[in-house]
């Protein structure tokens, strides 16, 4: 999620109060402030919070690769007698 999308979620009430003609400018200002505070995606990768950044056009392939690498069985789970 980009900083503008995050701002639209985090500050939706504040953005609703802003007139429509200046909303885009306020979004950009809040997004720049958010980038400074949170550090952006590069900082998240450096901290290890994000494993890797996937290009949106390659998302389906990346998810399929991860699913193929997971074990097929989840373990021996049964019903608990009550």
C-alpha atoms as a PDB file:
ATOM      1  CA  UNK A   1       0.000   0.000   0.000  1.00  0.00           C
ATOM      2  CA  UNK A   2       1.335   3.366  -0.922  1.00  0.00           C
ATOM      3  CA  UNK A   3       1.427   6.340   1.392  1.00  0.00           C
ATOM      4  CA  UNK A   4      -1.504   8.099  -0.319  1.00  0.00           C
ATOM      5  CA  UNK A   5      -3.682   4.991   0.028  1.00  0.00           C
ATOM      6  CA  UNK A   6      -2.689   4.697   3.687  1.00  0.00           C
ATOM      7  CA  UNK A   7      -3.546   8.346   4.265  1.00  0.00           C
ATOM      8  CA  UNK A   8      -6.970   7.875   2.677  1.00  0.00           C
ATOM      9  CA  UNK A   9      -7.682   5.178   5.267  1.00  0.00           C
ATOM     10  CA  UNK A  10      -5.997   6.713   8.303  1.00  0.00           C
ATOM     11  CA  UNK A  11      -7.314  10.244   7.778  1.00  0.00           C
ATOM     12  CA  UNK A  12     -10.647   9.583   6.048  1.00  0.00           C
ATOM     13  CA  UNK A  13     -12.635  11.753   8.467  1.00  0.00           C
ATOM     14  CA  UNK A  14     -10.202  14.630   8.176  1.00  0.00           C
ATOM     15  CA  UNK A  15     -10.187  14.346   4.374  1.00  0.00           C
ATOM     16  CA  UNK A  16     -13.992  14.306   4.319  1.00  0.00           C
ATOM     17  CA  UNK A  17     -13.996  17.756   5.924  1.00  0.00           C
ATOM     18  CA  UNK A  18     -11.664  19.196   3.270  1.00  0.00           C
ATOM     19  CA  UNK A  19     -13.277  20.790   0.180  1.00  0.00           C
ATOM     20  CA  UNK A  20     -13.128  18.587  -2.912  1.00  0.00           C
ATOM     21  CA  UNK A  21     -10.977  21.017  -4.908  1.00  0.00           C
ATOM     22  CA  UNK A  22      -8.139  20.998  -2.344  1.00  0.00           C
ATOM     23  CA  UNK A  23      -8.404  17.359  -1.219  1.00  0.00           C
ATOM     24  CA  UNK A  24      -5.655  16.092  -3.531  1.00  0.00           C
ATOM     25  CA  UNK A  25      -3.195  18.681  -2.211  1.00  0.00           C
ATOM     26  CA  UNK A  26      -4.019  17.782   1.405  1.00  0.00           C
ATOM     27  CA  UNK A  27      -3.576  14.083   0.579  1.00  0.00           C
ATOM     28  CA  UNK A  28      -0.128  14.763  -0.854  1.00  0.00           C
ATOM     29  CA  UNK A  29       0.875  16.824   2.189  1.00  0.00           C
ATOM     30  CA  UNK A  30      -0.322  14.135   4.589  1.00  0.00           C
ATOM     31  CA  UNK A  31       1.385  11.447   2.499  1.00  0.00           C
ATOM     32  CA  UNK A  32       4.705  13.313   2.643  1.00  0.00           C
ATOM     33  CA  UNK A  33       4.333  13.647   6.416  1.00  0.00           C
ATOM     34  CA  UNK A  34       3.483   9.936   6.659  1.00  0.00           C
ATOM     35  CA  UNK A  35       6.594   9.003   4.657  1.00  0.00           C
ATOM     36  CA  UNK A  36       8.786  10.996   7.056  1.00  0.00           C
ATOM     37  CA  UNK A  37       7.201   9.449  10.144  1.00  0.00           C
ATOM     38  CA  UNK A  38       6.939   5.843   8.981  1.00  0.00           C
ATOM     39  CA  UNK A  39      10.032   5.753   6.803  1.00  0.00           C
ATOM     40  CA  UNK A  40       8.293   4.218   3.821  1.00  0.00           C
ATOM     41  CA  UNK A  41       8.571   0.779   2.312  1.00  0.00           C
ATOM     42  CA  UNK A  42      12.373   0.827   2.161  1.00  0.00           C
ATOM     43  CA  UNK A  43      12.576   1.170   5.934  1.00  0.00           C
ATOM     44  CA  UNK A  44      10.045  -1.650   6.413  1.00  0.00           C
ATOM     45  CA  UNK A  45      12.175  -3.944   4.243  1.00  0.00           C
ATOM     46  CA  UNK A  46      15.344  -2.946   6.126  1.00  0.00           C
ATOM     47  CA  UNK A  47      13.655  -3.654   9.478  1.00  0.00           C
ATOM     48  CA  UNK A  48      12.432  -7.053   8.296  1.00  0.00           C
ATOM     49  CA  UNK A  49       8.746  -6.205   8.650  1.00  0.00           C
ATOM     50  CA  UNK A  50       8.293  -6.795   4.913  1.00  0.00           C
ATOM     51  CA  UNK A  51       9.958  -9.829   3.338  1.00  0.00           C
ATOM     52  CA  UNK A  52      10.007  -8.490  -0.193  1.00  0.00           C
ATOM     53  CA  UNK A  53       8.291  -5.962  -2.413  1.00  0.00           C
ATOM     54  CA  UNK A  54       6.400  -7.533  -5.305  1.00  0.00           C
ATOM     55  CA  UNK A  55       5.569  -5.641  -8.469  1.00  0.00           C
ATOM     56  CA  UNK A  56       1.761  -5.563  -8.876  1.00  0.00           C
ATOM     57  CA  UNK A  57       1.978  -7.262 -12.268  1.00  0.00           C
ATOM     58  CA  UNK A  58       3.818 -10.205 -10.677  1.00  0.00           C
ATOM     59  CA  UNK A  59       1.640 -10.606  -7.582  1.00  0.00           C
ATOM     60  CA  UNK A  60      -0.231 -13.685  -8.798  1.00  0.00           C
ATOM     61  CA  UNK A  61       2.995 -15.474  -9.659  1.00  0.00           C
ATOM     62  CA  UNK A  62       4.596 -14.580  -6.300  1.00  0.00           C
ATOM     63  CA  UNK A  63       1.588 -15.874  -4.355  1.00  0.00           C
ATOM     64  CA  UNK A  64       1.531 -19.092  -6.396  1.00  0.00           C
ATOM     65  CA  UNK A  65       5.243 -19.676  -5.732  1.00  0.00           C
ATOM     66  CA  UNK A  66       4.770 -19.249  -1.979  1.00  0.00           C
ATOM     67  CA  UNK A  67       1.792 -21.611  -1.963  1.00  0.00           C
ATOM     68  CA  UNK A  68       3.759 -24.253  -3.874  1.00  0.00           C
ATOM     69  CA  UNK A  69       6.558 -24.045  -1.299  1.00  0.00           C
ATOM     70  CA  UNK A  70       4.246 -24.646   1.665  1.00  0.00           C
ATOM     71  CA  UNK A  71       3.886 -28.177   3.031  1.00  0.00           C
ATOM     72  CA  UNK A  72       0.888 -30.106   1.725  1.00  0.00           C
ATOM     73  CA  UNK A  73      -0.299 -31.487   5.046  1.00  0.00           C
ATOM     74  CA  UNK A  74      -1.266 -29.374   8.033  1.00  0.00           C
ATOM     75  CA  UNK A  75      -0.669 -32.067  10.623  1.00  0.00           C
ATOM     76  CA  UNK A  76      -2.758 -34.590  12.456  1.00  0.00           C
ATOM     77  CA  UNK A  77      -5.796 -32.717  13.659  1.00  0.00           C
ATOM     78  CA  UNK A  78      -8.918 -34.477  14.798  1.00  0.00           C
ATOM     79  CA  UNK A  79     -12.100 -33.755  16.615  1.00  0.00           C
ATOM     80  CA  UNK A  80     -11.784 -33.252  20.330  1.00  0.00           C
ATOM     81  CA  UNK A  81     -14.191 -35.534  22.209  1.00  0.00           C
ATOM     82  CA  UNK A  82     -16.567 -33.498  24.288  1.00  0.00           C
END
